[in-house]
Amino acid sequence: MTITPSGYSVLREGNTAPDFSLPGIDGKTHSLMETKGAKATLVIFMCNHCPFVKPKMPYLRAIHEKYAGKGLAMFAINSNDQNAYPEDDFAHMKETAKAQGFSFPYLLDESQEVARAYGAACTPDPFLFDAGFGLVYHGRIDDAHKEPHEKAKTNELEEAVKQVLAGKEVTVKEEPSYGCNVKWKA
């Protein structure tokens, strides 16, 4: 495991979210554009096995449940190499989502093109966009890396979500997320 911070060389604040068309565990193909009309869209790169992601899964579910009715759309994207990391394959994605009670689409980026387009570097790596798909926040979920949210002293991601949904400028200080590196194909 290589501990990796978020990367900032591809998407910068104000950049438009790259669209995608990816298969979801629900049997549907999902596109970023299906969230047109949402006040905010959260795209979070994650996977099933990462010890930095696992403790955040209940909190990510809670964020979606709390804010979906207020205008938040959310996608989780797994871009890891399934051949090298079979616990991140589609079948395990379905099991993880069911066990965690995800109500947001969990998508597979098998080609890894979407991760590259976003500049995703680690898991978890959240990107928050406003109603016009402009990047307004790319940073950590909270300060409790590799720990459940309940152990955090901060909640940057949720604060950024609340600001966007309220139509305000995001003033949350961006600190990089840390986690396992995206498992790139050789």
N, C-alpha and C. Protein backbone atom coordinates (compact mmCIF):
# COMPACT_ATOMS: atom_id res chain seq x y z
N MET A 1 0.85 -1.18 0.00
CA MET A 1 0.00 0.00 0.00
C MET A 1 0.89 1.23 0.00
N THR A 2 0.63 2.12 -0.93
CA THR A 2 1.33 3.39 -1.00
C THR A 2 0.35 4.47 -0.57
N ILE A 3 0.69 5.21 0.49
CA ILE A 3 -0.17 6.31 0.93
C ILE A 3 0.07 7.48 0.00
N THR A 4 -1.01 7.94 -0.60
CA THR A 4 -0.95 8.95 -1.65
C THR A 4 -1.91 10.09 -1.33
N PRO A 5 -1.48 11.35 -1.55
CA PRO A 5 -2.41 12.47 -1.38
C PRO A 5 -3.18 12.75 -2.67
N SER A 6 -4.25 13.52 -2.56
CA SER A 6 -4.97 14.01 -3.74
C SER A 6 -3.99 14.72 -4.66
N GLY A 7 -4.24 14.62 -5.95
CA GLY A 7 -3.43 15.35 -6.93
C GLY A 7 -4.18 16.57 -7.43
N TYR A 8 -3.44 17.61 -7.73
CA TYR A 8 -4.07 18.86 -8.16
C TYR A 8 -3.57 19.34 -9.51
N SER A 9 -3.00 18.44 -10.31
CA SER A 9 -2.42 18.85 -11.58
C SER A 9 -3.38 18.77 -12.76
N VAL A 10 -4.54 18.12 -12.58
CA VAL A 10 -5.46 17.95 -13.70
C VAL A 10 -6.64 18.91 -13.58
N LEU A 11 -7.49 18.73 -12.57
CA LEU A 11 -8.63 19.63 -12.36
C LEU A 11 -8.30 20.65 -11.29
N ARG A 12 -8.63 21.88 -11.60
CA ARG A 12 -8.45 22.95 -10.62
C ARG A 12 -9.79 23.61 -10.34
N GLU A 13 -9.85 24.38 -9.27
CA GLU A 13 -11.09 25.07 -8.90
C GLU A 13 -11.64 25.82 -10.10
N GLY A 14 -12.93 25.63 -10.36
CA GLY A 14 -13.61 26.28 -11.47
C GLY A 14 -13.63 25.46 -12.75
N ASN A 15 -12.72 24.47 -12.88
CA ASN A 15 -12.72 23.62 -14.07
C ASN A 15 -14.03 22.84 -14.15
N THR A 16 -14.45 22.55 -15.36
CA THR A 16 -15.68 21.80 -15.59
C THR A 16 -15.42 20.30 -15.43
N ALA A 17 -16.34 19.62 -14.79
CA ALA A 17 -16.25 18.18 -14.59
C ALA A 17 -16.27 17.45 -15.93
N PRO A 18 -15.32 16.55 -16.15
CA PRO A 18 -15.39 15.73 -17.35
C PRO A 18 -16.60 14.78 -17.28
N ASP A 19 -17.32 14.68 -18.38
CA ASP A 19 -18.46 13.77 -18.40
C ASP A 19 -17.95 12.34 -18.48
N PHE A 20 -18.81 11.41 -18.19
CA PHE A 20 -18.46 10.00 -18.27
C PHE A 20 -19.72 9.20 -18.56
N SER A 21 -19.51 7.97 -18.97
CA SER A 21 -20.58 7.02 -19.17
C SER A 21 -20.03 5.69 -18.66
N LEU A 22 -20.50 5.27 -17.48
CA LEU A 22 -19.93 4.11 -16.81
C LEU A 22 -21.02 3.16 -16.32
N PRO A 23 -20.71 1.87 -16.32
CA PRO A 23 -21.69 0.91 -15.80
C PRO A 23 -21.77 0.97 -14.28
N GLY A 24 -22.99 0.88 -13.78
CA GLY A 24 -23.23 0.87 -12.35
C GLY A 24 -23.61 -0.51 -11.88
N ILE A 25 -23.47 -0.72 -10.60
CA ILE A 25 -23.83 -2.02 -10.03
C ILE A 25 -25.33 -2.28 -10.10
N ASP A 26 -26.09 -1.23 -10.41
CA ASP A 26 -27.55 -1.36 -10.54
C ASP A 26 -27.97 -1.85 -11.93
N GLY A 27 -26.98 -2.15 -12.81
CA GLY A 27 -27.28 -2.63 -14.15
C GLY A 27 -27.52 -1.53 -15.16
N LYS A 28 -27.41 -0.28 -14.74
CA LYS A 28 -27.62 0.86 -15.63
C LYS A 28 -26.27 1.50 -15.96
N THR A 29 -26.25 2.22 -17.08
CA THR A 29 -25.10 3.03 -17.43
C THR A 29 -25.39 4.45 -16.96
N HIS A 30 -24.44 5.03 -16.23
CA HIS A 30 -24.64 6.36 -15.66
C HIS A 30 -23.71 7.38 -16.29
N SER A 31 -24.22 8.58 -16.41
CA SER A 31 -23.48 9.70 -16.97
C SER A 31 -23.54 10.87 -16.00
N LEU A 32 -22.51 11.66 -15.98
CA LEU A 32 -22.51 12.86 -15.15
C LEU A 32 -23.70 13.76 -15.51
N MET A 33 -24.03 13.81 -16.79
CA MET A 33 -25.08 14.70 -17.26
C MET A 33 -26.46 14.32 -16.74
N GLU A 34 -26.63 13.11 -16.20
CA GLU A 34 -27.93 12.75 -15.64
C GLU A 34 -28.23 13.54 -14.37
N THR A 35 -27.21 14.19 -13.82
CA THR A 35 -27.41 15.00 -12.61
C THR A 35 -27.68 16.46 -12.94
N LYS A 36 -27.83 16.76 -14.23
CA LYS A 36 -28.14 18.15 -14.62
C LYS A 36 -29.37 18.61 -13.87
N GLY A 37 -29.30 19.76 -13.27
CA GLY A 37 -30.40 20.26 -12.46
C GLY A 37 -30.14 20.12 -10.97
N ALA A 38 -29.17 19.28 -10.61
CA ALA A 38 -28.80 19.16 -9.19
C ALA A 38 -28.06 20.42 -8.77
N LYS A 39 -28.18 20.80 -7.53
CA LYS A 39 -27.45 21.96 -7.01
C LYS A 39 -25.97 21.67 -6.83
N ALA A 40 -25.65 20.39 -6.59
CA ALA A 40 -24.28 19.97 -6.38
C ALA A 40 -24.14 18.51 -6.80
N THR A 41 -22.96 18.17 -7.30
CA THR A 41 -22.66 16.78 -7.65
C THR A 41 -21.34 16.39 -7.02
N LEU A 42 -21.36 15.31 -6.27
CA LEU A 42 -20.16 14.77 -5.63
C LEU A 42 -19.74 13.52 -6.38
N VAL A 43 -18.49 13.53 -6.86
CA VAL A 43 -17.89 12.37 -7.51
C VAL A 43 -16.74 11.94 -6.61
N ILE A 44 -16.84 10.73 -6.08
CA ILE A 44 -15.81 10.26 -5.17
C ILE A 44 -15.20 8.97 -5.69
N PHE A 45 -13.89 9.02 -5.88
CA PHE A 45 -13.16 7.83 -6.32
C PHE A 45 -12.85 7.01 -5.08
N MET A 46 -13.23 5.74 -5.12
CA MET A 46 -13.07 4.86 -3.98
C MET A 46 -12.97 3.42 -4.47
N CYS A 47 -12.88 2.51 -3.56
CA CYS A 47 -12.85 1.08 -3.91
C CYS A 47 -13.36 0.30 -2.70
N ASN A 48 -13.35 -1.01 -2.82
CA ASN A 48 -13.89 -1.86 -1.77
C ASN A 48 -12.89 -2.17 -0.66
N HIS A 49 -11.63 -2.31 -1.02
CA HIS A 49 -10.66 -2.88 -0.07
C HIS A 49 -9.83 -1.87 0.70
N CYS A 50 -9.79 -0.63 0.28
CA CYS A 50 -8.87 0.35 0.85
C CYS A 50 -9.17 0.63 2.33
N PRO A 51 -8.16 0.52 3.19
CA PRO A 51 -8.38 0.78 4.62
C PRO A 51 -8.64 2.25 4.94
N PHE A 52 -8.45 3.14 3.96
CA PHE A 52 -8.81 4.55 4.15
C PHE A 52 -10.26 4.80 3.76
N VAL A 53 -10.78 3.98 2.85
CA VAL A 53 -12.16 4.13 2.38
C VAL A 53 -13.14 3.44 3.31
N LYS A 54 -12.82 2.22 3.70
CA LYS A 54 -13.77 1.41 4.49
C LYS A 54 -14.36 2.16 5.68
N PRO A 55 -13.57 2.84 6.51
CA PRO A 55 -14.18 3.52 7.66
C PRO A 55 -15.04 4.74 7.28
N LYS A 56 -14.91 5.21 6.03
CA LYS A 56 -15.69 6.39 5.59
C LYS A 56 -17.00 6.00 4.91
N MET A 57 -17.17 4.73 4.57
CA MET A 57 -18.36 4.31 3.83
C MET A 57 -19.66 4.66 4.54
N PRO A 58 -19.80 4.42 5.84
CA PRO A 58 -21.06 4.80 6.50
C PRO A 58 -21.31 6.31 6.46
N TYR A 59 -20.24 7.11 6.57
CA TYR A 59 -20.40 8.56 6.53
C TYR A 59 -20.78 9.04 5.13
N LEU A 60 -20.19 8.44 4.10
CA LEU A 60 -20.56 8.81 2.74
C LEU A 60 -22.03 8.49 2.48
N ARG A 61 -22.47 7.32 2.94
CA ARG A 61 -23.89 6.97 2.82
C ARG A 61 -24.75 8.01 3.55
N ALA A 62 -24.33 8.41 4.75
CA ALA A 62 -25.08 9.38 5.54
C ALA A 62 -25.14 10.75 4.85
N ILE A 63 -24.04 11.17 4.26
CA ILE A 63 -24.03 12.46 3.53
C ILE A 63 -25.05 12.40 2.40
N HIS A 64 -25.03 11.31 1.65
CA HIS A 64 -25.98 11.20 0.54
C HIS A 64 -27.43 11.20 1.05
N GLU A 65 -27.69 10.42 2.07
CA GLU A 65 -29.05 10.36 2.60
C GLU A 65 -29.51 11.70 3.15
N LYS A 66 -28.61 12.43 3.77
CA LYS A 66 -28.96 13.71 4.38
C LYS A 66 -29.20 14.81 3.35
N TYR A 67 -28.45 14.79 2.24
CA TYR A 67 -28.48 15.92 1.32
C TYR A 67 -29.07 15.63 -0.06
N ALA A 68 -29.36 14.38 -0.38
CA ALA A 68 -29.91 14.07 -1.71
C ALA A 68 -31.23 14.81 -1.93
N GLY A 69 -32.06 14.88 -0.93
CA GLY A 69 -33.34 15.58 -1.05
C GLY A 69 -33.21 17.09 -1.08
N LYS A 70 -32.01 17.58 -0.82
CA LYS A 70 -31.75 19.03 -0.83
C LYS A 70 -30.99 19.47 -2.07
N GLY A 71 -30.75 18.50 -3.01
CA GLY A 71 -30.12 18.86 -4.28
C GLY A 71 -28.75 18.27 -4.53
N LEU A 72 -28.29 17.34 -3.70
CA LEU A 72 -26.99 16.71 -3.92
C LEU A 72 -27.14 15.43 -4.73
N ALA A 73 -26.41 15.34 -5.82
CA ALA A 73 -26.28 14.09 -6.58
C ALA A 73 -24.90 13.53 -6.25
N MET A 74 -24.78 12.21 -6.30
CA MET A 74 -23.52 11.61 -5.88
C MET A 74 -23.23 10.34 -6.68
N PHE A 75 -21.96 10.19 -7.04
CA PHE A 75 -21.47 8.98 -7.69
C PHE A 75 -20.22 8.52 -6.96
N ALA A 76 -20.09 7.22 -6.76
CA ALA A 76 -18.83 6.63 -6.32
C ALA A 76 -18.27 5.89 -7.53
N ILE A 77 -16.97 6.04 -7.76
CA ILE A 77 -16.34 5.42 -8.92
C ILE A 77 -15.14 4.60 -8.46
N ASN A 78 -15.12 3.35 -8.88
CA ASN A 78 -14.00 2.45 -8.61
C ASN A 78 -13.19 2.33 -9.90
N SER A 79 -11.95 2.80 -9.86
CA SER A 79 -11.07 2.76 -11.03
C SER A 79 -9.92 1.77 -10.88
N ASN A 80 -9.90 1.03 -9.79
CA ASN A 80 -8.78 0.12 -9.55
C ASN A 80 -8.72 -1.02 -10.56
N ASP A 81 -7.49 -1.50 -10.81
CA ASP A 81 -7.24 -2.63 -11.68
C ASP A 81 -7.81 -3.89 -11.01
N GLN A 82 -8.89 -4.41 -11.56
CA GLN A 82 -9.57 -5.56 -10.99
C GLN A 82 -8.77 -6.85 -11.11
N ASN A 83 -7.93 -6.92 -12.12
CA ASN A 83 -7.13 -8.14 -12.29
C ASN A 83 -6.08 -8.25 -11.19
N ALA A 84 -5.47 -7.14 -10.84
CA ALA A 84 -4.45 -7.15 -9.79
C ALA A 84 -5.08 -7.13 -8.40
N TYR A 85 -6.29 -6.58 -8.30
CA TYR A 85 -6.99 -6.45 -7.01
C TYR A 85 -8.41 -7.01 -7.17
N PRO A 86 -8.55 -8.34 -7.19
CA PRO A 86 -9.85 -8.96 -7.44
C PRO A 86 -10.93 -8.58 -6.43
N GLU A 87 -10.55 -8.13 -5.23
CA GLU A 87 -11.55 -7.71 -4.25
C GLU A 87 -12.25 -6.41 -4.67
N ASP A 88 -11.73 -5.77 -5.72
CA ASP A 88 -12.36 -4.57 -6.25
C ASP A 88 -13.14 -4.82 -7.54
N ASP A 89 -13.42 -6.08 -7.84
CA ASP A 89 -14.17 -6.38 -9.05
C ASP A 89 -15.65 -6.05 -8.88
N PHE A 90 -16.37 -6.16 -9.99
CA PHE A 90 -17.78 -5.75 -10.04
C PHE A 90 -18.63 -6.53 -9.03
N ALA A 91 -18.39 -7.83 -8.91
CA ALA A 91 -19.17 -8.64 -7.96
C ALA A 91 -18.95 -8.16 -6.53
N HIS A 92 -17.72 -7.85 -6.19
CA HIS A 92 -17.43 -7.35 -4.84
C HIS A 92 -17.96 -5.93 -4.63
N MET A 93 -18.01 -5.14 -5.71
CA MET A 93 -18.62 -3.81 -5.60
C MET A 93 -20.09 -3.94 -5.21
N LYS A 94 -20.79 -4.89 -5.83
CA LYS A 94 -22.20 -5.13 -5.51
C LYS A 94 -22.36 -5.55 -4.05
N GLU A 95 -21.51 -6.45 -3.60
CA GLU A 95 -21.57 -6.92 -2.21
C GLU A 95 -21.32 -5.77 -1.24
N THR A 96 -20.30 -4.96 -1.53
CA THR A 96 -19.96 -3.84 -0.65
C THR A 96 -21.11 -2.84 -0.57
N ALA A 97 -21.66 -2.49 -1.72
CA ALA A 97 -22.76 -1.51 -1.75
C ALA A 97 -23.98 -2.02 -0.98
N LYS A 98 -24.27 -3.30 -1.13
CA LYS A 98 -25.42 -3.88 -0.41
C LYS A 98 -25.15 -3.88 1.09
N ALA A 99 -23.96 -4.32 1.49
CA ALA A 99 -23.62 -4.38 2.91
C ALA A 99 -23.61 -2.99 3.55
N GLN A 100 -23.20 -1.99 2.78
CA GLN A 100 -23.11 -0.62 3.30
C GLN A 100 -24.41 0.17 3.13
N GLY A 101 -25.34 -0.35 2.36
CA GLY A 101 -26.61 0.34 2.15
C GLY A 101 -26.49 1.57 1.27
N PHE A 102 -25.58 1.53 0.29
CA PHE A 102 -25.42 2.68 -0.61
C PHE A 102 -26.71 2.94 -1.37
N SER A 103 -27.13 4.18 -1.41
CA SER A 103 -28.30 4.56 -2.21
C SER A 103 -27.87 5.43 -3.39
N PHE A 104 -26.59 5.58 -3.59
CA PHE A 104 -26.04 6.34 -4.71
C PHE A 104 -25.40 5.37 -5.70
N PRO A 105 -25.28 5.75 -6.97
CA PRO A 105 -24.67 4.86 -7.95
C PRO A 105 -23.19 4.59 -7.66
N TYR A 106 -22.82 3.32 -7.72
CA TYR A 106 -21.44 2.88 -7.56
C TYR A 106 -21.02 2.36 -8.93
N LEU A 107 -20.04 3.02 -9.54
CA LEU A 107 -19.69 2.81 -10.94
C LEU A 107 -18.30 2.20 -11.11
N LEU A 108 -18.13 1.47 -12.21
CA LEU A 108 -16.85 0.85 -12.52
C LEU A 108 -16.20 1.58 -13.69
N ASP A 109 -14.99 2.07 -13.46
CA ASP A 109 -14.17 2.74 -14.47
C ASP A 109 -13.07 1.77 -14.90
N GLU A 110 -13.47 0.73 -15.62
CA GLU A 110 -12.54 -0.35 -15.96
C GLU A 110 -11.37 0.14 -16.80
N SER A 111 -11.61 1.09 -17.71
CA SER A 111 -10.54 1.60 -18.57
C SER A 111 -9.62 2.58 -17.83
N GLN A 112 -10.06 3.07 -16.71
CA GLN A 112 -9.36 4.07 -15.88
C GLN A 112 -9.30 5.45 -16.54
N GLU A 113 -10.02 5.62 -17.64
CA GLU A 113 -10.01 6.90 -18.35
C GLU A 113 -10.65 8.02 -17.52
N VAL A 114 -11.68 7.69 -16.76
CA VAL A 114 -12.35 8.72 -15.96
C VAL A 114 -11.43 9.18 -14.83
N ALA A 115 -10.78 8.24 -14.17
CA ALA A 115 -9.84 8.60 -13.10
C ALA A 115 -8.75 9.52 -13.65
N ARG A 116 -8.25 9.21 -14.83
CA ARG A 116 -7.21 10.05 -15.43
C ARG A 116 -7.76 11.43 -15.79
N ALA A 117 -8.98 11.49 -16.32
CA ALA A 117 -9.60 12.77 -16.71
C ALA A 117 -9.81 13.68 -15.50
N TYR A 118 -10.08 13.08 -14.34
CA TYR A 118 -10.29 13.86 -13.12
C TYR A 118 -8.98 14.12 -12.37
N GLY A 119 -7.97 13.33 -12.65
CA GLY A 119 -6.73 13.44 -11.89
C GLY A 119 -6.83 12.76 -10.54
N ALA A 120 -7.70 11.75 -10.44
CA ALA A 120 -7.83 11.02 -9.18
C ALA A 120 -6.51 10.33 -8.88
N ALA A 121 -6.07 10.45 -7.64
CA ALA A 121 -4.78 9.88 -7.26
C ALA A 121 -4.90 8.83 -6.18
N CYS A 122 -5.92 8.98 -5.32
CA CYS A 122 -6.02 8.11 -4.15
C CYS A 122 -7.46 7.70 -3.92
N THR A 123 -7.63 6.81 -2.96
CA THR A 123 -8.96 6.44 -2.51
C THR A 123 -9.01 6.63 -1.00
N PRO A 124 -9.94 7.44 -0.53
CA PRO A 124 -10.97 8.18 -1.24
C PRO A 124 -10.43 9.50 -1.82
N ASP A 125 -11.00 9.92 -2.94
CA ASP A 125 -10.62 11.19 -3.56
C ASP A 125 -11.90 11.88 -4.03
N PRO A 126 -12.47 12.78 -3.19
CA PRO A 126 -13.74 13.43 -3.53
C PRO A 126 -13.57 14.71 -4.35
N PHE A 127 -14.47 14.87 -5.32
CA PHE A 127 -14.54 16.07 -6.16
C PHE A 127 -15.98 16.58 -6.06
N LEU A 128 -16.16 17.82 -5.65
CA LEU A 128 -17.49 18.41 -5.51
C LEU A 128 -17.68 19.51 -6.53
N PHE A 129 -18.80 19.45 -7.26
CA PHE A 129 -19.09 20.38 -8.33
C PHE A 129 -20.38 21.13 -8.05
N ASP A 130 -20.47 22.37 -8.54
CA ASP A 130 -21.68 23.16 -8.38
C ASP A 130 -22.69 22.80 -9.47
N ALA A 131 -23.79 23.53 -9.53
CA ALA A 131 -24.87 23.23 -10.47
C ALA A 131 -24.41 23.32 -11.93
N GLY A 132 -23.39 24.12 -12.20
CA GLY A 132 -22.85 24.25 -13.56
C GLY A 132 -21.70 23.32 -13.83
N PHE A 133 -21.49 22.35 -12.93
CA PHE A 133 -20.41 21.36 -13.02
C PHE A 133 -19.02 21.97 -12.91
N GLY A 134 -18.92 23.12 -12.22
CA GLY A 134 -17.62 23.71 -11.94
C GLY A 134 -17.08 23.14 -10.64
N LEU A 135 -15.79 22.80 -10.62
CA LEU A 135 -15.19 22.24 -9.41
C LEU A 135 -15.11 23.31 -8.32
N VAL A 136 -15.70 23.00 -7.17
CA VAL A 136 -15.70 23.94 -6.04
C VAL A 136 -14.96 23.40 -4.83
N TYR A 137 -14.73 22.08 -4.78
CA TYR A 137 -13.99 21.50 -3.65
C TYR A 137 -13.38 20.17 -4.08
N HIS A 138 -12.10 20.02 -3.79
CA HIS A 138 -11.39 18.76 -4.02
C HIS A 138 -10.43 18.60 -2.86
N GLY A 139 -10.83 17.83 -1.89
CA GLY A 139 -10.00 17.67 -0.70
C GLY A 139 -10.48 16.51 0.14
N ARG A 140 -10.01 16.50 1.36
CA ARG A 140 -10.32 15.38 2.25
C ARG A 140 -11.77 15.41 2.73
N ILE A 141 -12.20 14.27 3.22
CA ILE A 141 -13.53 14.13 3.81
C ILE A 141 -13.52 14.79 5.19
N ASP A 142 -12.48 14.47 5.97
CA ASP A 142 -12.29 15.00 7.31
C ASP A 142 -10.84 14.76 7.72
N ASP A 143 -10.49 15.06 8.93
CA ASP A 143 -9.10 14.91 9.39
C ASP A 143 -8.81 13.55 10.01
N ALA A 144 -9.73 12.64 9.96
CA ALA A 144 -9.55 11.32 10.57
C ALA A 144 -9.22 10.30 9.48
N HIS A 145 -8.06 10.44 8.88
CA HIS A 145 -7.65 9.50 7.84
C HIS A 145 -7.54 8.10 8.43
N LYS A 146 -8.11 7.14 7.72
CA LYS A 146 -8.09 5.72 8.10
C LYS A 146 -8.90 5.43 9.36
N GLU A 147 -9.75 6.38 9.77
CA GLU A 147 -10.59 6.23 10.96
C GLU A 147 -12.03 6.59 10.60
N PRO A 148 -13.01 6.10 11.35
CA PRO A 148 -14.40 6.50 11.12
C PRO A 148 -14.58 8.00 11.34
N HIS A 149 -15.59 8.56 10.69
CA HIS A 149 -15.84 10.00 10.81
C HIS A 149 -16.06 10.43 12.26
N GLU A 150 -16.61 9.56 13.06
CA GLU A 150 -16.89 9.90 14.46
C GLU A 150 -15.62 10.30 15.22
N LYS A 151 -14.46 9.92 14.73
CA LYS A 151 -13.19 10.28 15.38
C LYS A 151 -12.60 11.57 14.83
N ALA A 152 -13.26 12.17 13.85
CA ALA A 152 -12.76 13.38 13.21
C ALA A 152 -13.05 14.62 14.05
N LYS A 153 -12.18 15.60 13.91
CA LYS A 153 -12.39 16.91 14.52
C LYS A 153 -12.92 17.89 13.48
N THR A 154 -12.85 17.52 12.20
CA THR A 154 -13.31 18.38 11.11
C THR A 154 -14.27 17.59 10.22
N ASN A 155 -14.96 18.32 9.36
CA ASN A 155 -15.84 17.66 8.38
C ASN A 155 -15.89 18.52 7.12
N GLU A 156 -14.73 18.71 6.51
CA GLU A 156 -14.61 19.61 5.36
C GLU A 156 -15.57 19.28 4.22
N LEU A 157 -15.68 18.01 3.85
CA LEU A 157 -16.53 17.66 2.72
C LEU A 157 -17.99 18.05 2.98
N GLU A 158 -18.51 17.70 4.14
CA GLU A 158 -19.91 18.04 4.42
C GLU A 158 -20.11 19.55 4.49
N GLU A 159 -19.16 20.27 5.05
CA GLU A 159 -19.27 21.74 5.09
C GLU A 159 -19.30 22.32 3.67
N ALA A 160 -18.46 21.79 2.78
CA ALA A 160 -18.46 22.25 1.39
C ALA A 160 -19.80 21.94 0.72
N VAL A 161 -20.33 20.75 0.96
CA VAL A 161 -21.63 20.37 0.40
C VAL A 161 -22.70 21.36 0.88
N LYS A 162 -22.72 21.65 2.16
CA LYS A 162 -23.73 22.57 2.71
C LYS A 162 -23.61 23.96 2.08
N GLN A 163 -22.38 24.44 1.87
CA GLN A 163 -22.19 25.76 1.28
C GLN A 163 -22.71 25.79 -0.16
N VAL A 164 -22.39 24.77 -0.95
CA VAL A 164 -22.85 24.73 -2.34
C VAL A 164 -24.37 24.66 -2.38
N LEU A 165 -24.96 23.80 -1.57
CA LEU A 165 -26.42 23.66 -1.58
C LEU A 165 -27.12 24.94 -1.15
N ALA A 166 -26.45 25.75 -0.34
CA ALA A 166 -27.02 27.03 0.09
C ALA A 166 -26.77 28.14 -0.92
N GLY A 167 -26.09 27.79 -2.03
CA GLY A 167 -25.81 28.79 -3.06
C GLY A 167 -24.68 29.73 -2.70
N LYS A 168 -23.87 29.32 -1.75
CA LYS A 168 -22.76 30.16 -1.31
C LYS A 168 -21.45 29.71 -1.94
N GLU A 169 -20.47 30.59 -1.88
CA GLU A 169 -19.12 30.25 -2.32
C GLU A 169 -18.53 29.28 -1.30
N VAL A 170 -17.81 28.29 -1.79
CA VAL A 170 -17.18 27.33 -0.89
C VAL A 170 -15.92 27.98 -0.31
N THR A 171 -15.92 28.12 1.01
CA THR A 171 -14.79 28.75 1.70
C THR A 171 -14.01 27.76 2.54
N VAL A 172 -14.38 26.49 2.44
CA VAL A 172 -13.70 25.45 3.20
C VAL A 172 -12.26 25.32 2.69
N LYS A 173 -11.31 25.33 3.62
CA LYS A 173 -9.91 25.18 3.23
C LYS A 173 -9.69 23.76 2.73
N GLU A 174 -9.10 23.65 1.55
CA GLU A 174 -8.82 22.34 0.98
C GLU A 174 -7.53 21.77 1.54
N GLU A 175 -7.65 20.63 2.14
CA GLU A 175 -6.51 19.82 2.56
C GLU A 175 -6.59 18.55 1.73
N PRO A 176 -5.46 18.03 1.26
CA PRO A 176 -5.55 16.84 0.42
C PRO A 176 -6.11 15.64 1.17
N SER A 177 -6.85 14.84 0.44
CA SER A 177 -7.26 13.55 0.96
C SER A 177 -6.02 12.66 0.92
N TYR A 178 -5.97 11.70 1.80
CA TYR A 178 -4.89 10.71 1.79
C TYR A 178 -5.53 9.34 1.77
N GLY A 179 -4.90 8.44 1.05
CA GLY A 179 -5.39 7.08 1.00
C GLY A 179 -4.47 6.22 0.18
N CYS A 180 -4.97 5.06 -0.16
CA CYS A 180 -4.22 4.17 -1.05
C CYS A 180 -4.19 4.81 -2.44
N ASN A 181 -3.11 4.58 -3.17
CA ASN A 181 -3.06 5.08 -4.52
C ASN A 181 -4.06 4.33 -5.39
N VAL A 182 -4.54 4.99 -6.44
CA VAL A 182 -5.36 4.29 -7.42
C VAL A 182 -4.49 3.19 -8.00
N LYS A 183 -5.04 2.00 -8.10
CA LYS A 183 -4.28 0.84 -8.58
C LYS A 183 -4.33 0.82 -10.11
N TRP A 184 -3.33 1.48 -10.70
CA TRP A 184 -3.27 1.63 -12.15
C TRP A 184 -2.88 0.32 -12.82
N LYS A 185 -3.40 0.11 -14.02
CA LYS A 185 -3.03 -1.06 -14.80
C LYS A 185 -1.60 -0.88 -15.31
N ALA A 186 -0.90 -1.98 -15.43
CA ALA A 186 0.50 -1.94 -15.89
C ALA A 186 0.58 -1.64 -17.37
